[in-house]
C-alpha atoms as a PDB file:
ATOM      1  CA  UNK A   1     178.890  33.066 229.861  1.00  0.00           C
ATOM      2  CA  UNK A   2     179.123  31.967 233.443  1.00  0.00           C
ATOM      3  CA  UNK A   3     176.266  33.299 235.502  1.00  0.00           C
ATOM      4  CA  UNK A   4     177.407  36.328 237.916  1.00  0.00           C
ATOM      5  CA  UNK A   5     175.208  37.248 241.458  1.00  0.00           C
ATOM      6  CA  UNK A   6     173.794  40.225 239.188  1.00  0.00           C
ATOM      7  CA  UNK A   7     171.967  37.136 237.508  1.00  0.00           C
ATOM      8  CA  UNK A   8     170.998  35.396 240.393  1.00  0.00           C
ATOM      9  CA  UNK A   9     169.567  38.759 242.112  1.00  0.00           C
ATOM     10  CA  UNK A  10     167.709  40.096 238.671  1.00  0.00           C
ATOM     11  CA  UNK A  11     166.202  36.380 238.265  1.00  0.00           C
ATOM     12  CA  UNK A  12     165.204  36.683 242.142  1.00  0.00           C
ATOM     13  CA  UNK A  13     164.218  40.090 242.745  1.00  0.00           C
ATOM     14  CA  UNK A  14     166.719  40.550 245.337  1.00  0.00           C
ATOM     15  CA  UNK A  15     169.851  42.967 245.915  1.00  0.00           C
ATOM     16  CA  UNK A  16     173.631  41.237 244.915  1.00  0.00           C
ATOM     17  CA  UNK A  17     174.528  41.509 248.486  1.00  0.00           C
ATOM     18  CA  UNK A  18     171.341  39.767 249.492  1.00  0.00           C
ATOM     19  CA  UNK A  19     172.555  37.180 247.342  1.00  0.00           C
ATOM     20  CA  UNK A  20     175.799  37.263 248.560  1.00  0.00           C
ATOM     21  CA  UNK A  21     175.077  37.025 252.342  1.00  0.00           C
ATOM     22  CA  UNK A  22     172.850  33.771 251.250  1.00  0.00           C
ATOM     23  CA  UNK A  23     175.591  31.729 249.172  1.00  0.00           C
ATOM     24  CA  UNK A  24     177.882  32.644 251.890  1.00  0.00           C
ATOM     25  CA  UNK A  25     175.748  31.636 254.715  1.00  0.00           C
ATOM     26  CA  UNK A  26     175.726  34.942 256.264  1.00  0.00           C
ATOM     27  CA  UNK A  27     173.347  37.688 257.383  1.00  0.00           C
ATOM     28  CA  UNK A  28     169.860  37.631 258.919  1.00  0.00           C
ATOM     29  CA  UNK A  29     167.531  36.544 255.653  1.00  0.00           C
ATOM     30  CA  UNK A  30     164.337  34.737 255.787  1.00  0.00           C
ATOM     31  CA  UNK A  31     164.229  31.417 254.849  1.00  0.00           C
ATOM     32  CA  UNK A  32     162.131  31.993 251.761  1.00  0.00           C
ATOM     33  CA  UNK A  33     164.401  34.177 250.385  1.00  0.00           C
ATOM     34  CA  UNK A  34     167.255  31.876 251.466  1.00  0.00           C
ATOM     35  CA  UNK A  35     165.767  29.257 249.660  1.00  0.00           C
ATOM     36  CA  UNK A  36     164.103  31.375 246.442  1.00  0.00           C
ATOM     37  CA  UNK A  37     168.202  32.323 246.057  1.00  0.00           C
ATOM     38  CA  UNK A  38     169.898  28.783 246.065  1.00  0.00           C
ATOM     39  CA  UNK A  39     167.140  27.543 243.890  1.00  0.00           C
ATOM     40  CA  UNK A  40     167.982  30.425 241.237  1.00  0.00           C
ATOM     41  CA  UNK A  41     171.420  29.943 241.749  1.00  0.00           C
ATOM     42  CA  UNK A  42     170.987  25.904 241.099  1.00  0.00           C
ATOM     43  CA  UNK A  43     169.028  26.840 238.099  1.00  0.00           C
ATOM     44  CA  UNK A  44     171.509  29.127 236.674  1.00  0.00           C
ATOM     45  CA  UNK A  45     174.332  26.672 237.047  1.00  0.00           C
ATOM     46  CA  UNK A  46     176.321  29.100 239.502  1.00  0.00           C
ATOM     47  CA  UNK A  47     179.290  27.804 241.008  1.00  0.00           C
ATOM     48  CA  UNK A  48     181.555  30.167 243.383  1.00  0.00           C
ATOM     49  CA  UNK A  49     184.858  30.609 241.855  1.00  0.00           C
ATOM     50  CA  UNK A  50     187.510  29.630 244.430  1.00  0.00           C
ATOM     51  CA  UNK A  51     188.734  32.946 245.145  1.00  0.00           C
ATOM     52  CA  UNK A  52     185.191  33.837 246.286  1.00  0.00           C
ATOM     53  CA  UNK A  53     185.031  30.972 248.072  1.00  0.00           C
ATOM     54  CA  UNK A  54     187.984  31.501 249.917  1.00  0.00           C
ATOM     55  CA  UNK A  55     187.261  35.053 250.347  1.00  0.00           C
ATOM     56  CA  UNK A  56     184.014  34.215 251.704  1.00  0.00           C
ATOM     57  CA  UNK A  57     184.882  31.720 254.217  1.00  0.00           C
ATOM     58  CA  UNK A  58     187.966  33.596 255.843  1.00  0.00           C
ATOM     59  CA  UNK A  59     187.307  37.155 255.213  1.00  0.00           C
ATOM     60  CA  UNK A  60     190.365  39.412 255.452  1.00  0.00           C
ATOM     61  CA  UNK A  61     188.891  42.411 257.778  1.00  0.00           C
ATOM     62  CA  UNK A  62     190.427  44.398 255.846  1.00  0.00           C
ATOM     63  CA  UNK A  63     188.435  47.521 253.994  1.00  0.00           C
ATOM     64  CA  UNK A  64     189.514  49.254 250.534  1.00  0.00           C
ATOM     65  CA  UNK A  65     189.464  52.942 249.648  1.00  0.00           C
ATOM     66  CA  UNK A  66     189.329  53.397 245.961  1.00  0.00           C
ATOM     67  CA  UNK A  67     190.920  57.059 245.006  1.00  0.00           C
ATOM     68  CA  UNK A  68     192.184  58.577 242.228  1.00  0.00           C
ATOM     69  CA  UNK A  69     196.227  60.056 242.259  1.00  0.00           C
ATOM     70  CA  UNK A  70     196.286  61.534 238.742  1.00  0.00           C
ATOM     71  CA  UNK A  71     198.084  65.296 239.268  1.00  0.00           C
ATOM     72  CA  UNK A  72     194.715  66.570 238.277  1.00  0.00           C
ATOM     73  CA  UNK A  73     193.430  65.769 241.588  1.00  0.00           C
ATOM     74  CA  UNK A  74     196.532  66.263 243.798  1.00  0.00           C
ATOM     75  CA  UNK A  75     194.913  69.605 244.884  1.00  0.00           C
ATOM     76  CA  UNK A  76     192.568  67.391 246.814  1.00  0.00           C
ATOM     77  CA  UNK A  77     194.837  65.214 248.433  1.00  0.00           C
ATOM     78  CA  UNK A  78     194.785  67.452 251.877  1.00  0.00           C
ATOM     79  CA  UNK A  79     191.167  67.367 251.741  1.00  0.00           C
ATOM     80  CA  UNK A  80     190.971  63.542 251.917  1.00  0.00           C
ATOM     81  CA  UNK A  81     193.874  62.782 254.405  1.00  0.00           C
ATOM     82  CA  UNK A  82     191.269  63.509 257.859  1.00  0.00           C
ATOM     83  CA  UNK A  83     188.897  61.485 255.598  1.00  0.00           C
ATOM     84  CA  UNK A  84     191.013  58.785 255.535  1.00  0.00           C
ATOM     85  CA  UNK A  85     192.044  58.841 259.532  1.00  0.00           C
ATOM     86  CA  UNK A  86     188.326  59.243 260.504  1.00  0.00           C
ATOM     87  CA  UNK A  87     187.350  56.387 258.328  1.00  0.00           C
ATOM     88  CA  UNK A  88     190.319  54.225 259.402  1.00  0.00           C
ATOM     89  CA  UNK A  89     189.200  55.186 263.000  1.00  0.00           C
ATOM     90  CA  UNK A  90     185.982  54.267 263.177  1.00  0.00           C
ATOM     91  CA  UNK A  91     186.230  50.911 261.179  1.00  0.00           C
ATOM     92  CA  UNK A  92     188.648  49.866 263.564  1.00  0.00           C
ATOM     93  CA  UNK A  93     185.661  49.677 266.229  1.00  0.00           C
ATOM     94  CA  UNK A  94     184.867  46.808 264.351  1.00  0.00           C
ATOM     95  CA  UNK A  95     188.245  45.088 263.972  1.00  0.00           C
ATOM     96  CA  UNK A  96     188.494  46.412 260.045  1.00  0.00           C
ATOM     97  CA  UNK A  97     191.656  47.825 258.890  1.00  0.00           C
ATOM     98  CA  UNK A  98     191.290  50.104 255.474  1.00  0.00           C
ATOM     99  CA  UNK A  99     193.719  49.193 252.432  1.00  0.00           C
ATOM    100  CA  UNK A 100     194.373  52.129 250.007  1.00  0.00           C
ATOM    101  CA  UNK A 101     193.997  51.444 246.409  1.00  0.00           C
ATOM    102  CA  UNK A 102     195.574  54.104 244.263  1.00  0.00           C
ATOM    103  CA  UNK A 103     193.659  54.401 240.526  1.00  0.00           C
ATOM    104  CA  UNK A 104     193.894  56.861 237.640  1.00  0.00           C
ATOM    105  CA  UNK A 105     191.314  58.049 235.654  1.00  0.00           C
ATOM    106  CA  UNK A 106     192.660  56.014 232.933  1.00  0.00           C
ATOM    107  CA  UNK A 107     192.269  53.207 235.024  1.00  0.00           C
ATOM    108  CA  UNK A 108     190.283  50.181 232.801  1.00  0.00           C
ATOM    109  CA  UNK A 109     187.183  48.376 234.826  1.00  0.00           C
ATOM    110  CA  UNK A 110     189.224  45.279 234.336  1.00  0.00           C
ATOM    111  CA  UNK A 111     192.515  46.857 236.569  1.00  0.00           C
ATOM    112  CA  UNK A 112     190.223  48.151 238.917  1.00  0.00           C
ATOM    113  CA  UNK A 113     188.303  44.473 239.872  1.00  0.00           C
ATOM    114  CA  UNK A 114     191.834  42.894 239.696  1.00  0.00           C
ATOM    115  CA  UNK A 115     193.227  45.361 242.410  1.00  0.00           C
ATOM    116  CA  UNK A 116     190.480  45.185 244.361  1.00  0.00           C
ATOM    117  CA  UNK A 117     190.645  41.354 244.280  1.00  0.00           C
ATOM    118  CA  UNK A 118     194.575  41.091 245.033  1.00  0.00           C
ATOM    119  CA  UNK A 119     193.683  43.617 248.063  1.00  0.00           C
ATOM    120  CA  UNK A 120     191.494  41.151 249.126  1.00  0.00           C
ATOM    121  CA  UNK A 121     189.107  43.856 250.894  1.00  0.00           C
ATOM    122  CA  UNK A 122     185.641  43.009 252.166  1.00  0.00           C
ATOM    123  CA  UNK A 123     183.810  46.188 251.097  1.00  0.00           C
ATOM    124  CA  UNK A 124     185.171  48.803 248.980  1.00  0.00           C
ATOM    125  CA  UNK A 125     184.616  53.398 249.467  1.00  0.00           C
ATOM    126  CA  UNK A 126     184.972  54.809 246.091  1.00  0.00           C
ATOM    127  CA  UNK A 127     186.406  58.350 246.909  1.00  0.00           C
ATOM    128  CA  UNK A 128     185.832  61.236 244.809  1.00  0.00           C
ATOM    129  CA  UNK A 129     185.240  58.407 241.596  1.00  0.00           C
ATOM    130  CA  UNK A 130     181.845  57.406 239.972  1.00  0.00           C
ATOM    131  CA  UNK A 131     182.632  54.789 237.394  1.00  0.00           C
ATOM    132  CA  UNK A 132     179.004  52.587 237.623  1.00  0.00           C
ATOM    133  CA  UNK A 133     180.981  49.893 235.377  1.00  0.00           C
ATOM    134  CA  UNK A 134     183.522  49.148 237.445  1.00  0.00           C
ATOM    135  CA  UNK A 135     181.160  49.384 240.651  1.00  0.00           C
ATOM    136  CA  UNK A 136     179.024  46.633 238.708  1.00  0.00           C
ATOM    137  CA  UNK A 137     181.595  44.470 237.944  1.00  0.00           C
ATOM    138  CA  UNK A 138     183.226  44.470 241.989  1.00  0.00           C
ATOM    139  CA  UNK A 139     179.667  44.259 242.907  1.00  0.00           C
ATOM    140  CA  UNK A 140     179.174  40.973 240.903  1.00  0.00           C
ATOM    141  CA  UNK A 141     181.901  39.768 242.578  1.00  0.00           C
ATOM    142  CA  UNK A 142     180.625  40.450 246.032  1.00  0.00           C
ATOM    143  CA  UNK A 143     182.677  43.334 247.221  1.00  0.00           C
ATOM    144  CA  UNK A 144     179.766  45.756 248.135  1.00  0.00           C
ATOM    145  CA  UNK A 145     180.477  49.700 247.180  1.00  0.00           C
ATOM    146  CA  UNK A 146     180.112  52.743 249.158  1.00  0.00           C
ATOM    147  CA  UNK A 147     180.532  56.030 246.657  1.00  0.00           C
ATOM    148  CA  UNK A 148     182.146  59.241 248.600  1.00  0.00           C
ATOM    149  CA  UNK A 149     181.891  62.255 247.433  1.00  0.00           C
ATOM    150  CA  UNK A 150     180.044  61.890 244.567  1.00  0.00           C
ATOM    151  CA  UNK A 151     176.645  62.707 243.789  1.00  0.00           C
ATOM    152  CA  UNK A 152     176.454  60.840 240.640  1.00  0.00           C
ATOM    153  CA  UNK A 153     175.234  57.477 241.448  1.00  0.00           C
ATOM    154  CA  UNK A 154     173.033  58.016 244.916  1.00  0.00           C
ATOM    155  CA  UNK A 155     170.002  56.195 243.535  1.00  0.00           C
ATOM    156  CA  UNK A 156     171.877  53.030 243.041  1.00  0.00           C
ATOM    157  CA  UNK A 157     174.529  53.328 245.876  1.00  0.00           C
ATOM    158  CA  UNK A 158     175.051  54.072 249.658  1.00  0.00           C
ATOM    159  CA  UNK A 159     176.408  57.189 248.970  1.00  0.00           C
ATOM    160  CA  UNK A 160     177.865  59.741 251.594  1.00  0.00           C
ATOM    161  CA  UNK A 161     178.615  63.292 250.406  1.00  0.00           C
ATOM    162  CA  UNK A 162     178.263  66.987 250.885  1.00  0.00           C
ATOM    163  CA  UNK A 163     175.178  69.014 250.331  1.00  0.00           C
ATOM    164  CA  UNK A 164     176.466  71.019 247.860  1.00  0.00           C
ATOM    165  CA  UNK A 165     173.303  72.779 246.749  1.00  0.00           C
ATOM    166  CA  UNK A 166     172.950  73.744 250.037  1.00  0.00           C
ATOM    167  CA  UNK A 167     176.241  75.064 250.300  1.00  0.00           C
ATOM    168  CA  UNK A 168     176.280  76.834 247.449  1.00  0.00           C
ATOM    169  CA  UNK A 169     173.008  78.435 248.510  1.00  0.00           C
ATOM    170  CA  UNK A 170     174.046  79.532 252.216  1.00  0.00           C
ATOM    171  CA  UNK A 171     177.326  81.133 250.194  1.00  0.00           C
ATOM    172  CA  UNK A 172     175.665  82.793 247.828  1.00  0.00           C
ATOM    173  CA  UNK A 173     173.326  84.254 250.310  1.00  0.00           C
ATOM    174  CA  UNK A 174     176.273  85.265 252.631  1.00  0.00           C
ATOM    175  CA  UNK A 175     177.539  87.531 249.837  1.00  0.00           C
ATOM    176  CA  UNK A 176     173.934  89.263 249.097  1.00  0.00           C
ATOM    177  CA  UNK A 177     173.536  89.422 252.496  1.00  0.00           C
ATOM    178  CA  UNK A 178     176.416  91.690 252.322  1.00  0.00           C
ATOM    179  CA  UNK A 179     174.791  93.890 249.980  1.00  0.00           C
ATOM    180  CA  UNK A 180     176.468  92.396 246.832  1.00  0.00           C
ATOM    181  CA  UNK A 181     174.041  92.641 243.972  1.00  0.00           C
ATOM    182  CA  UNK A 182     176.423  91.885 241.142  1.00  0.00           C
ATOM    183  CA  UNK A 183     177.774  88.456 241.540  1.00  0.00           C
ATOM    184  CA  UNK A 184     179.383  86.464 239.134  1.00  0.00           C
ATOM    185  CA  UNK A 185     179.924  82.738 238.957  1.00  0.00           C
ATOM    186  CA  UNK A 186     183.291  81.165 238.652  1.00  0.00           C
ATOM    187  CA  UNK A 187     183.627  77.512 237.181  1.00  0.00           C
ATOM    188  CA  UNK A 188     185.537  74.745 235.868  1.00  0.00           C
ATOM    189  CA  UNK A 189     185.107  71.135 234.516  1.00  0.00           C
ATOM    190  CA  UNK A 190     185.979  68.668 237.594  1.00  0.00           C
ATOM    191  CA  UNK A 191     186.543  64.751 236.258  1.00  0.00           C
ATOM    192  CA  UNK A 192     184.238  62.696 237.078  1.00  0.00           C
ATOM    193  CA  UNK A 193     182.336  65.487 239.528  1.00  0.00           C
ATOM    194  CA  UNK A 194     179.426  66.532 237.339  1.00  0.00           C
ATOM    195  CA  UNK A 195     176.701  66.220 240.018  1.00  0.00           C
ATOM    196  CA  UNK A 196     178.876  68.439 242.058  1.00  0.00           C
ATOM    197  CA  UNK A 197     179.411  71.393 239.413  1.00  0.00           C
ATOM    198  CA  UNK A 198     175.520  71.315 238.742  1.00  0.00           C
ATOM    199  CA  UNK A 199     174.381  71.107 242.583  1.00  0.00           C
ATOM    200  CA  UNK A 200     176.973  74.079 243.062  1.00  0.00           C
ATOM    201  CA  UNK A 201     175.615  76.319 240.012  1.00  0.00           C
ATOM    202  CA  UNK A 202     171.570  75.372 240.772  1.00  0.00           C
ATOM    203  CA  UNK A 203     172.093  76.330 244.765  1.00  0.00           C
ATOM    204  CA  UNK A 204     173.835  79.558 243.111  1.00  0.00           C
ATOM    205  CA  UNK A 205     171.153  80.357 241.144  1.00  0.00           C
ATOM    206  CA  UNK A 206     168.348  79.589 243.523  1.00  0.00           C
ATOM    207  CA  UNK A 207     170.001  82.087 246.122  1.00  0.00           C
ATOM    208  CA  UNK A 208     170.310  84.854 243.544  1.00  0.00           C
ATOM    209  CA  UNK A 209     166.838  84.329 242.142  1.00  0.00           C
ATOM    210  CA  UNK A 210     165.042  83.826 245.876  1.00  0.00           C
ATOM    211  CA  UNK A 211     166.552  87.801 246.622  1.00  0.00           C
ATOM    212  CA  UNK A 212     164.814  89.036 243.855  1.00  0.00           C
ATOM    213  CA  UNK A 213     168.018  89.509 241.810  1.00  0.00           C
ATOM    214  CA  UNK A 214     168.631  88.899 238.039  1.00  0.00           C
ATOM    215  CA  UNK A 215     171.515  87.140 236.675  1.00  0.00           C
ATOM    216  CA  UNK A 216     172.937  88.230 233.911  1.00  0.00           C
ATOM    217  CA  UNK A 217     174.394  84.767 231.637  1.00  0.00           C
ATOM    218  CA  UNK A 218     177.544  86.515 230.854  1.00  0.00           C
ATOM    219  CA  UNK A 219     178.667  87.182 234.613  1.00  0.00           C
ATOM    220  CA  UNK A 220     179.524  82.988 234.284  1.00  0.00           C
ATOM    221  CA  UNK A 221     182.863  82.418 233.396  1.00  0.00           C
ATOM    222  CA  UNK A 222     184.230  78.692 232.820  1.00  0.00           C
ATOM    223  CA  UNK A 223     187.934  78.505 233.603  1.00  0.00           C
ATOM    224  CA  UNK A 224     190.024  76.364 231.694  1.00  0.00           C
ATOM    225  CA  UNK A 225     191.473  73.708 234.417  1.00  0.00           C
ATOM    226  CA  UNK A 226     194.743  73.276 233.065  1.00  0.00           C
ATOM    227  CA  UNK A 227     195.262  76.920 231.650  1.00  0.00           C
ATOM    228  CA  UNK A 228     195.979  80.076 233.688  1.00  0.00           C
ATOM    229  CA  UNK A 229     196.335  81.975 230.799  1.00  0.00           C
ATOM    230  CA  UNK A 230     192.799  81.590 229.783  1.00  0.00           C
ATOM    231  CA  UNK A 231     191.756  82.228 233.465  1.00  0.00           C
ATOM    232  CA  UNK A 232     193.333  85.659 233.144  1.00  0.00           C
ATOM    233  CA  UNK A 233     191.739  86.444 229.916  1.00  0.00           C
ATOM    234  CA  UNK A 234     188.396  85.957 231.385  1.00  0.00           C
ATOM    235  CA  UNK A 235     189.277  87.776 234.520  1.00  0.00           C
ATOM    236  CA  UNK A 236     190.291  90.610 232.747  1.00  0.00           C
ATOM    237  CA  UNK A 237     187.319  90.904 230.208  1.00  0.00           C
ATOM    238  CA  UNK A 238     184.786  90.194 233.270  1.00  0.00           C
ATOM    239  CA  UNK A 239     186.617  93.306 235.511  1.00  0.00           C
ATOM    240  CA  UNK A 240     186.657  95.243 231.951  1.00  0.00           C
ATOM    241  CA  UNK A 241     183.133  95.722 231.836  1.00  0.00           C
ATOM    242  CA  UNK A 242     181.173  99.183 232.637  1.00  0.00           C
ATOM    243  CA  UNK A 243     179.629  97.606 235.782  1.00  0.00           C
ATOM    244  CA  UNK A 244     181.989  94.552 236.819  1.00  0.00           C
ATOM    245  CA  UNK A 245     180.813  92.126 239.255  1.00  0.00           C
ATOM    246  CA  UNK A 246     181.837  93.097 243.404  1.00  0.00           C
ATOM    247  CA  UNK A 247     181.408  89.550 244.489  1.00  0.00           C
ATOM    248  CA  UNK A 248     182.705  86.102 243.283  1.00  0.00           C
ATOM    249  CA  UNK A 249     181.316  82.783 244.045  1.00  0.00           C
ATOM    250  CA  UNK A 250     183.825  80.019 242.619  1.00  0.00           C
ATOM    251  CA  UNK A 251     183.417  76.606 242.442  1.00  0.00           C
ATOM    252  CA  UNK A 252     185.985  75.507 244.934  1.00  0.00           C
ATOM    253  CA  UNK A 253     188.447  77.252 246.639  1.00  0.00           C
ATOM    254  CA  UNK A 254     191.228  75.911 244.466  1.00  0.00           C
ATOM    255  CA  UNK A 255     189.922  77.536 241.874  1.00  0.00           C
ATOM    256  CA  UNK A 256     189.203  80.488 244.088  1.00  0.00           C
ATOM    257  CA  UNK A 257     193.430  80.591 244.950  1.00  0.00           C
ATOM    258  CA  UNK A 258     193.890  80.805 240.778  1.00  0.00           C
ATOM    259  CA  UNK A 259     191.233  83.656 240.495  1.00  0.00           C
ATOM    260  CA  UNK A 260     193.010  85.553 243.507  1.00  0.00           C
ATOM    261  CA  UNK A 261     196.416  85.227 241.499  1.00  0.00           C
ATOM    262  CA  UNK A 262     194.980  86.717 238.657  1.00  0.00           C
ATOM    263  CA  UNK A 263     192.901  89.157 240.433  1.00  0.00           C
ATOM    264  CA  UNK A 264     196.219  90.292 241.953  1.00  0.00           C
ATOM    265  CA  UNK A 265     197.752  90.596 238.963  1.00  0.00           C
ATOM    266  CA  UNK A 266     195.006  93.063 237.338  1.00  0.00           C
ATOM    267  CA  UNK A 267     195.770  94.706 240.548  1.00  0.00           C
ATOM    268  CA  UNK A 268     192.377  94.062 242.196  1.00  0.00           C
ATOM    269  CA  UNK A 269     192.391  93.733 246.222  1.00  0.00           C
ATOM    270  CA  UNK A 270     190.185  91.324 247.915  1.00  0.00           C
ATOM    271  CA  UNK A 271     187.951  91.884 249.313  1.00  0.00           C
ATOM    272  CA  UNK A 272     188.513  95.789 249.168  1.00  0.00           C
ATOM    273  CA  UNK A 273     187.521  95.805 245.077  1.00  0.00           C
ATOM    274  CA  UNK A 274     185.785  91.993 245.080  1.00  0.00           C
ATOM    275  CA  UNK A 275     184.889  89.432 247.516  1.00  0.00           C
ATOM    276  CA  UNK A 276     185.508  85.980 247.038  1.00  0.00           C
ATOM    277  CA  UNK A 277     183.577  82.587 248.443  1.00  0.00           C
ATOM    278  CA  UNK A 278     183.771  79.261 247.777  1.00  0.00           C
ATOM    279  CA  UNK A 279     182.618  75.849 248.890  1.00  0.00           C
ATOM    280  CA  UNK A 280     185.053  72.983 249.816  1.00  0.00           C
ATOM    281  CA  UNK A 281     188.207  73.666 251.853  1.00  0.00           C
ATOM    282  CA  UNK A 282     190.240  71.875 250.117  1.00  0.00           C
ATOM    283  CA  UNK A 283     193.107  74.401 250.482  1.00  0.00           C
ATOM    284  CA  UNK A 284     195.595  74.020 253.668  1.00  0.00           C
ATOM    285  CA  UNK A 285     194.880  76.903 255.313  1.00  0.00           C
ATOM    286  CA  UNK A 286     197.327  76.402 258.304  1.00  0.00           C
ATOM    287  CA  UNK A 287     200.344  77.347 255.603  1.00  0.00           C
ATOM    288  CA  UNK A 288     201.294  80.608 256.038  1.00  0.00           C
ATOM    289  CA  UNK A 289     201.873  80.855 252.473  1.00  0.00           C
ATOM    290  CA  UNK A 290     198.076  79.918 251.388  1.00  0.00           C
ATOM    291  CA  UNK A 291     196.041  83.053 251.571  1.00  0.00           C
ATOM    292  CA  UNK A 292     192.340  83.329 253.812  1.00  0.00           C
ATOM    293  CA  UNK A 293     189.409  82.572 251.600  1.00  0.00           C
ATOM    294  CA  UNK A 294     186.216  82.787 252.948  1.00  0.00           C
ATOM    295  CA  UNK A 295     184.634  78.969 252.473  1.00  0.00           C
ATOM    296  CA  UNK A 296     181.501  76.863 253.038  1.00  0.00           C
ATOM    297  CA  UNK A 297     183.657  74.120 254.902  1.00  0.00           C
ATOM    298  CA  UNK A 298     182.684  70.530 254.347  1.00  0.00           C
ATOM    299  CA  UNK A 299     182.907  68.082 257.636  1.00  0.00           C
ATOM    300  CA  UNK A 300     185.578  65.635 256.531  1.00  0.00           C
ATOM    301  CA  UNK A 301     185.282  63.919 260.195  1.00  0.00           C
ATOM    302  CA  UNK A 302     181.847  63.173 259.740  1.00  0.00           C
ATOM    303  CA  UNK A 303     181.964  62.065 256.031  1.00  0.00           C
ATOM    304  CA  UNK A 304     184.395  59.388 257.111  1.00  0.00           C
ATOM    305  CA  UNK A 305     182.979  58.226 259.749  1.00  0.00           C
ATOM    306  CA  UNK A 306     179.826  57.721 258.300  1.00  0.00           C
ATOM    307  CA  UNK A 307     181.586  56.084 255.709  1.00  0.00           C
ATOM    308  CA  UNK A 308     182.957  53.686 257.813  1.00  0.00           C
ATOM    309  CA  UNK A 309     179.531  52.713 259.462  1.00  0.00           C
ATOM    310  CA  UNK A 310     177.676  52.115 255.726  1.00  0.00           C
ATOM    311  CA  UNK A 311     180.626  49.969 255.059  1.00  0.00           C
ATOM    312  CA  UNK A 312     180.205  47.724 258.071  1.00  0.00           C
ATOM    313  CA  UNK A 313     176.748  47.896 257.458  1.00  0.00           C
ATOM    314  CA  UNK A 314     177.137  46.520 253.761  1.00  0.00           C
ATOM    315  CA  UNK A 315     179.438  44.022 255.036  1.00  0.00           C
ATOM    316  CA  UNK A 316     176.934  42.550 257.859  1.00  0.00           C
ATOM    317  CA  UNK A 317     173.694  42.910 256.103  1.00  0.00           C
ATOM    318  CA  UNK A 318     171.398  42.785 253.207  1.00  0.00           C
ATOM    319  CA  UNK A 319     170.930  46.039 251.683  1.00  0.00           C
ATOM    320  CA  UNK A 320     167.363  46.210 252.383  1.00  0.00           C
ATOM    321  CA  UNK A 321     166.972  50.129 251.141  1.00  0.00           C
ATOM    322  CA  UNK A 322     169.411  53.144 249.942  1.00  0.00           C
ATOM    323  CA  UNK A 323     171.251  55.027 252.353  1.00  0.00           C
ATOM    324  CA  UNK A 324     172.513  58.629 251.444  1.00  0.00           C
ATOM    325  CA  UNK A 325     173.805  60.938 253.717  1.00  0.00           C
ATOM    326  CA  UNK A 326     174.311  64.269 252.819  1.00  0.00           C
ATOM    327  CA  UNK A 327     176.766  66.518 254.982  1.00  0.00           C
ATOM    328  CA  UNK A 328     175.772  70.307 255.497  1.00  0.00           C
ATOM    329  CA  UNK A 329     178.055  72.924 254.466  1.00  0.00           C
ATOM    330  CA  UNK A 330     179.230  75.799 257.290  1.00  0.00           C
ATOM    331  CA  UNK A 331     180.679  79.292 256.525  1.00  0.00           C
ATOM    332  CA  UNK A 332     184.076  79.719 257.930  1.00  0.00           C
ATOM    333  CA  UNK A 333     184.418  83.836 257.364  1.00  0.00           C
ATOM    334  CA  UNK A 334     188.750  84.123 256.511  1.00  0.00           C
ATOM    335  CA  UNK A 335     188.102  87.893 255.792  1.00  0.00           C
ATOM    336  CA  UNK A 336     188.312  87.461 251.630  1.00  0.00           C
ATOM    337  CA  UNK A 337     184.038  89.017 252.115  1.00  0.00           C
ATOM    338  CA  UNK A 338     183.026  92.314 252.772  1.00  0.00           C
ATOM    339  CA  UNK A 339     180.404  95.241 252.432  1.00  0.00           C
ATOM    340  CA  UNK A 340     181.011  96.238 248.759  1.00  0.00           C
ATOM    341  CA  UNK A 341     182.762  99.313 248.283  1.00  0.00           C
ATOM    342  CA  UNK A 342     180.957 100.111 245.054  1.00  0.00           C
ATOM    343  CA  UNK A 343     177.568  99.729 243.358  1.00  0.00           C
END
């Protein structure tokens, strides 16, 4: 098997990006490190492929953006649009363009690598996507990765994400400050976003415990992401209790919208009968048919701008240390929260 950049990096004790910069005669890297990398590459018998050599010798000035286009992710398209807009604006300051690379949940590592190589990009941002095997393949081909809105691999890659723990804590505290003592947690699975779902639940529980409240585990509801009938049944069971919740913390506002539909069908009014808060701000609240849901808003402009800065940094410099930026979430009151009318 032919040696890769990662093999040279492991033998040399440096990062694959440093190896790439040395072999491409780029970057501000010490003579000692350059000599070590070149000697290791020669010892392992490494040879640049024509494709990689051509890309290094005549950079395309394109940056790639991997994003999932499956129907199950369609609720996020409005949310990611301003991220893409601010990302493109930032990288154009350094003469780069953004190339969108659509993928699906079922895309193989080989397919993703092929698409990225054909796009001739200098680096890639992976938006709401965390396939580490694909990332390894890309970096082995000298394509740096920045992971966006996925906390899963922040110990390995430059990452830009929202502070889901803090947002959930502050959102739950908002309900508690309004006087709510019986608060339910409504969640669901989100493909490849395990860290997000975990951080939001932990933040919720931290706020509950810090306020001296006891959380009844039966007040945690796991919705079926693709089955509205299951959600209807579970909402009916939750509000059929002798002491139903007066407030709901929901994983995100797309799920909160479906929860509200189920509550409307049960004859329950928001916020008169029950308050709802959710992180995310993924819905388009400029549309008159989208009901107002109080959210913990994520600053998408800052995420896009910072992603652009990290991409440019990865191209121009060796990865000497990991950079992880977590963007705080801001409360946006749209009227779905009020003091409880019953205790």
